[in-house]
Amino acid sequence: MTTLKSKLHEDLTAAIRARDELRSATLRLTLAAITKEEVSGKTARELSDDEVQKVIAKEAKKRREAADAFAQGGRAEQAEREKAEGVLLDAYLPQQLTDDELKQIVAEAVAEARAAGAEGPRAMGAVMKIVNPKVAGRADGGRVAAAVKPLLAG
């Protein structure tokens, strides 16, 4: 069985052969982040595919934030590159939930939390606890929180 990390290595090799600078640079940085994570604890270890996905998601999020920062700073070229790197990394992540799918999951979680007696500001944590495992890797935490807030307010 091919691991996600070995797939990244294969794609990097292919990108280098094809002289695809954007793809090879992006994959190199991502593999470096994975390696850094692997050696960050007391003992070096191999990351599971889920852990590798979390690293990729973190890297993709960094690219989106950098793209926004560059765009606001009037540096369109760098913003485009960061955006392109983010899109490239998204291809290695599970299919993102649509807004409608996310709203549906959040609505069910809010109902579940209310049934369990969670009300007011404390309900946010209860709802997030229910939603996060269901959307793991398929929706950014900020998107989830943004979907939860209006339902708790109403």
C-alpha atoms as a PDB file:
ATOM      1  CA  MET A   1       0.000   0.000   0.000  1.00  0.00           C
ATOM      2  CA  THR A   2       1.333   3.408  -0.958  1.00  0.00           C
ATOM      3  CA  THR A   3       1.446   5.923   1.862  1.00  0.00           C
ATOM      4  CA  LEU A   4       0.539   9.547   1.332  1.00  0.00           C
ATOM      5  CA  LYS A   5       4.130  10.528   2.083  1.00  0.00           C
ATOM      6  CA  SER A   6       5.542   8.169  -0.575  1.00  0.00           C
ATOM      7  CA  LYS A   7       2.964   9.547  -3.042  1.00  0.00           C
ATOM      8  CA  LEU A   8       4.314  13.050  -2.315  1.00  0.00           C
ATOM      9  CA  HIS A   9       7.871  11.786  -2.943  1.00  0.00           C
ATOM     10  CA  GLU A  10       6.835  10.176  -6.255  1.00  0.00           C
ATOM     11  CA  ASP A  11       5.045  13.346  -7.349  1.00  0.00           C
ATOM     12  CA  LEU A  12       8.101  15.412  -6.396  1.00  0.00           C
ATOM     13  CA  THR A  13      10.347  13.211  -8.546  1.00  0.00           C
ATOM     14  CA  ALA A  14       7.905  13.520 -11.455  1.00  0.00           C
ATOM     15  CA  ALA A  15       7.725  17.314 -10.997  1.00  0.00           C
ATOM     16  CA  ILE A  16      11.529  17.607 -11.006  1.00  0.00           C
ATOM     17  CA  ARG A  17      11.748  15.525 -14.198  1.00  0.00           C
ATOM     18  CA  ALA A  18       9.072  17.671 -15.810  1.00  0.00           C
ATOM     19  CA  ARG A  19      10.919  20.804 -14.642  1.00  0.00           C
ATOM     20  CA  ASP A  20       7.695  21.952 -12.914  1.00  0.00           C
ATOM     21  CA  GLU A  21       9.261  24.492 -10.560  1.00  0.00           C
ATOM     22  CA  LEU A  22       6.067  25.462  -8.722  1.00  0.00           C
ATOM     23  CA  ARG A  23       5.053  21.859  -7.994  1.00  0.00           C
ATOM     24  CA  SER A  24       8.559  20.707  -7.025  1.00  0.00           C
ATOM     25  CA  ALA A  25       9.146  23.701  -4.722  1.00  0.00           C
ATOM     26  CA  THR A  26       5.744  23.244  -3.062  1.00  0.00           C
ATOM     27  CA  LEU A  27       6.220  19.503  -2.543  1.00  0.00           C
ATOM     28  CA  ARG A  28       9.768  20.011  -1.209  1.00  0.00           C
ATOM     29  CA  LEU A  29       8.523  22.477   1.415  1.00  0.00           C
ATOM     30  CA  THR A  30       5.640  20.182   2.361  1.00  0.00           C
ATOM     31  CA  LEU A  31       7.907  17.134   2.693  1.00  0.00           C
ATOM     32  CA  ALA A  32      10.272  19.229   4.819  1.00  0.00           C
ATOM     33  CA  ALA A  33       7.344  20.157   7.089  1.00  0.00           C
ATOM     34  CA  ILE A  34       6.412  16.452   7.360  1.00  0.00           C
ATOM     35  CA  THR A  35      10.002  15.496   8.225  1.00  0.00           C
ATOM     36  CA  LYS A  36      10.153  18.294  10.794  1.00  0.00           C
ATOM     37  CA  GLU A  37       6.979  16.931  12.391  1.00  0.00           C
ATOM     38  CA  GLU A  38       8.417  13.397  12.382  1.00  0.00           C
ATOM     39  CA  VAL A  39      11.529  14.419  14.311  1.00  0.00           C
ATOM     40  CA  SER A  40       9.848  16.982  16.583  1.00  0.00           C
ATOM     41  CA  GLY A  41       9.110  14.615  19.481  1.00  0.00           C
ATOM     42  CA  LYS A  42      11.488  12.790  21.788  1.00  0.00           C
ATOM     43  CA  THR A  43      11.865   9.986  19.264  1.00  0.00           C
ATOM     44  CA  ALA A  44      11.697  10.190  15.483  1.00  0.00           C
ATOM     45  CA  ARG A  45       8.720   8.345  14.042  1.00  0.00           C
ATOM     46  CA  GLU A  46       6.864   7.765  10.812  1.00  0.00           C
ATOM     47  CA  LEU A  47       3.676   9.831  10.562  1.00  0.00           C
ATOM     48  CA  SER A  48       0.395   8.099   9.727  1.00  0.00           C
ATOM     49  CA  ASP A  49      -1.485   9.210   6.597  1.00  0.00           C
ATOM     50  CA  ASP A  50      -3.915  11.133   8.839  1.00  0.00           C
ATOM     51  CA  GLU A  51      -1.032  12.983  10.483  1.00  0.00           C
ATOM     52  CA  VAL A  52       0.526  13.697   7.080  1.00  0.00           C
ATOM     53  CA  GLN A  53      -2.837  15.082   5.946  1.00  0.00           C
ATOM     54  CA  LYS A  54      -2.908  17.411   8.968  1.00  0.00           C
ATOM     55  CA  VAL A  55       0.551  18.726   8.020  1.00  0.00           C
ATOM     56  CA  ILE A  56      -0.564  19.226   4.393  1.00  0.00           C
ATOM     57  CA  ALA A  57      -3.732  21.011   5.586  1.00  0.00           C
ATOM     58  CA  LYS A  58      -1.617  23.283   7.812  1.00  0.00           C
ATOM     59  CA  GLU A  59       0.715  24.053   4.896  1.00  0.00           C
ATOM     60  CA  ALA A  60      -2.244  24.753   2.562  1.00  0.00           C
ATOM     61  CA  LYS A  61      -3.736  27.092   5.179  1.00  0.00           C
ATOM     62  CA  LYS A  62      -0.400  28.935   5.448  1.00  0.00           C
ATOM     63  CA  ARG A  63      -0.447  29.432   1.660  1.00  0.00           C
ATOM     64  CA  ARG A  64      -3.991  30.852   1.729  1.00  0.00           C
ATOM     65  CA  GLU A  65      -3.090  33.251   4.556  1.00  0.00           C
ATOM     66  CA  ALA A  66       0.108  34.319   2.769  1.00  0.00           C
ATOM     67  CA  ALA A  67      -1.851  34.848  -0.471  1.00  0.00           C
ATOM     68  CA  ASP A  68      -4.281  37.139   1.383  1.00  0.00           C
ATOM     69  CA  ALA A  69      -1.403  39.040   2.993  1.00  0.00           C
ATOM     70  CA  PHE A  70       0.388  39.490  -0.349  1.00  0.00           C
ATOM     71  CA  ALA A  71      -2.839  40.572  -2.051  1.00  0.00           C
ATOM     72  CA  GLN A  72      -3.495  43.185   0.648  1.00  0.00           C
ATOM     73  CA  GLY A  73       0.094  44.346   0.317  1.00  0.00           C
ATOM     74  CA  GLY A  74      -0.405  44.888  -3.403  1.00  0.00           C
ATOM     75  CA  ARG A  75       1.937  42.060  -4.400  1.00  0.00           C
ATOM     76  CA  ALA A  76      -0.342  40.262  -6.834  1.00  0.00           C
ATOM     77  CA  GLU A  77       2.364  38.046  -8.330  1.00  0.00           C
ATOM     78  CA  GLN A  78       3.353  36.527  -4.970  1.00  0.00           C
ATOM     79  CA  ALA A  79      -0.326  36.225  -4.015  1.00  0.00           C
ATOM     80  CA  GLU A  80      -1.015  34.231  -7.188  1.00  0.00           C
ATOM     81  CA  ARG A  81       1.918  31.912  -6.500  1.00  0.00           C
ATOM     82  CA  GLU A  82       0.813  31.263  -2.911  1.00  0.00           C
ATOM     83  CA  LYS A  83      -2.720  30.618  -4.154  1.00  0.00           C
ATOM     84  CA  ALA A  84      -1.416  28.175  -6.776  1.00  0.00           C
ATOM     85  CA  GLU A  85       0.633  26.349  -4.120  1.00  0.00           C
ATOM     86  CA  GLY A  86      -2.464  26.118  -1.895  1.00  0.00           C
ATOM     87  CA  VAL A  87      -4.531  24.649  -4.731  1.00  0.00           C
ATOM     88  CA  LEU A  88      -1.747  22.164  -5.452  1.00  0.00           C
ATOM     89  CA  LEU A  89      -1.737  21.011  -1.807  1.00  0.00           C
ATOM     90  CA  ASP A  90      -5.540  20.833  -1.651  1.00  0.00           C
ATOM     91  CA  ALA A  91      -5.351  18.050  -4.247  1.00  0.00           C
ATOM     92  CA  TYR A  92      -3.764  15.818  -1.573  1.00  0.00           C
ATOM     93  CA  LEU A  93      -6.522  16.497   0.949  1.00  0.00           C
ATOM     94  CA  PRO A  94      -9.980  14.938   1.203  1.00  0.00           C
ATOM     95  CA  GLN A  95     -12.663  16.649  -0.860  1.00  0.00           C
ATOM     96  CA  GLN A  96     -13.702  19.802   1.017  1.00  0.00           C
ATOM     97  CA  LEU A  97     -17.301  20.001   2.171  1.00  0.00           C
ATOM     98  CA  THR A  98     -19.602  22.372   0.316  1.00  0.00           C
ATOM     99  CA  ASP A  99     -21.208  25.156   2.355  1.00  0.00           C
ATOM    100  CA  ASP A 100     -24.543  23.296   2.235  1.00  0.00           C
ATOM    101  CA  GLU A 101     -22.995  20.026   3.465  1.00  0.00           C
ATOM    102  CA  LEU A 102     -21.242  21.892   6.268  1.00  0.00           C
ATOM    103  CA  LYS A 103     -24.478  23.712   7.277  1.00  0.00           C
ATOM    104  CA  GLN A 104     -26.309  20.370   7.405  1.00  0.00           C
ATOM    105  CA  ILE A 105     -23.675  18.767   9.699  1.00  0.00           C
ATOM    106  CA  VAL A 106     -23.561  21.874  11.901  1.00  0.00           C
ATOM    107  CA  ALA A 107     -27.382  22.072  12.177  1.00  0.00           C
ATOM    108  CA  GLU A 108     -27.514  18.429  13.326  1.00  0.00           C
ATOM    109  CA  ALA A 109     -24.718  19.055  15.845  1.00  0.00           C
ATOM    110  CA  VAL A 110     -26.457  22.160  17.258  1.00  0.00           C
ATOM    111  CA  ALA A 111     -29.660  20.141  17.716  1.00  0.00           C
ATOM    112  CA  GLU A 112     -27.670  17.328  19.363  1.00  0.00           C
ATOM    113  CA  ALA A 113     -25.873  19.758  21.717  1.00  0.00           C
ATOM    114  CA  ARG A 114     -29.141  21.484  22.674  1.00  0.00           C
ATOM    115  CA  ALA A 115     -30.744  18.098  23.350  1.00  0.00           C
ATOM    116  CA  ALA A 116     -27.814  17.403  25.694  1.00  0.00           C
ATOM    117  CA  GLY A 117     -28.560  20.675  27.512  1.00  0.00           C
ATOM    118  CA  ALA A 118     -25.835  22.904  26.069  1.00  0.00           C
ATOM    119  CA  GLU A 119     -27.006  26.519  25.851  1.00  0.00           C
ATOM    120  CA  GLY A 120     -25.421  29.930  25.341  1.00  0.00           C
ATOM    121  CA  PRO A 121     -21.669  30.460  24.914  1.00  0.00           C
ATOM    122  CA  ARG A 122     -20.882  27.016  26.387  1.00  0.00           C
ATOM    123  CA  ALA A 123     -22.803  25.439  23.525  1.00  0.00           C
ATOM    124  CA  MET A 124     -20.106  26.543  21.052  1.00  0.00           C
ATOM    125  CA  GLY A 125     -17.562  24.133  22.567  1.00  0.00           C
ATOM    126  CA  ALA A 126     -20.103  21.323  22.753  1.00  0.00           C
ATOM    127  CA  VAL A 127     -21.119  21.800  19.111  1.00  0.00           C
ATOM    128  CA  MET A 128     -17.492  21.989  17.939  1.00  0.00           C
ATOM    129  CA  LYS A 129     -16.752  18.711  19.779  1.00  0.00           C
ATOM    130  CA  ILE A 130     -19.550  17.028  17.827  1.00  0.00           C
ATOM    131  CA  VAL A 131     -18.757  18.645  14.453  1.00  0.00           C
ATOM    132  CA  ASN A 132     -14.943  18.392  14.332  1.00  0.00           C
ATOM    133  CA  PRO A 133     -14.635  14.577  14.093  1.00  0.00           C
ATOM    134  CA  LYS A 134     -17.337  14.545  11.386  1.00  0.00           C
ATOM    135  CA  VAL A 135     -15.610  17.146   9.208  1.00  0.00           C
ATOM    136  CA  ALA A 136     -11.983  16.244   9.999  1.00  0.00           C
ATOM    137  CA  GLY A 137      -9.800  17.439   7.147  1.00  0.00           C
ATOM    138  CA  ARG A 138     -12.791  18.379   5.019  1.00  0.00           C
ATOM    139  CA  ALA A 139     -13.475  21.841   6.450  1.00  0.00           C
ATOM    140  CA  ASP A 140     -11.235  24.440   8.046  1.00  0.00           C
ATOM    141  CA  GLY A 141     -11.922  25.238  11.723  1.00  0.00           C
ATOM    142  CA  GLY A 142     -12.658  28.861  10.863  1.00  0.00           C
ATOM    143  CA  ARG A 143     -15.312  27.810   8.361  1.00  0.00           C
ATOM    144  CA  VAL A 144     -16.892  25.485  10.926  1.00  0.00           C
ATOM    145  CA  ALA A 145     -16.978  28.191  13.624  1.00  0.00           C
ATOM    146  CA  ALA A 146     -18.477  30.660  11.136  1.00  0.00           C
ATOM    147  CA  ALA A 147     -21.243  28.148  10.366  1.00  0.00           C
ATOM    148  CA  VAL A 148     -21.930  27.402  14.058  1.00  0.00           C
ATOM    149  CA  LYS A 149     -22.176  30.983  15.399  1.00  0.00           C
ATOM    150  CA  PRO A 150     -25.313  32.126  13.543  1.00  0.00           C
ATOM    151  CA  LEU A 151     -27.173  28.934  14.483  1.00  0.00           C
ATOM    152  CA  LEU A 152     -26.365  29.369  18.180  1.00  0.00           C
ATOM    153  CA  ALA A 153     -27.370  33.037  18.072  1.00  0.00           C
ATOM    154  CA  GLY A 154     -30.733  32.225  16.515  1.00  0.00           C
END
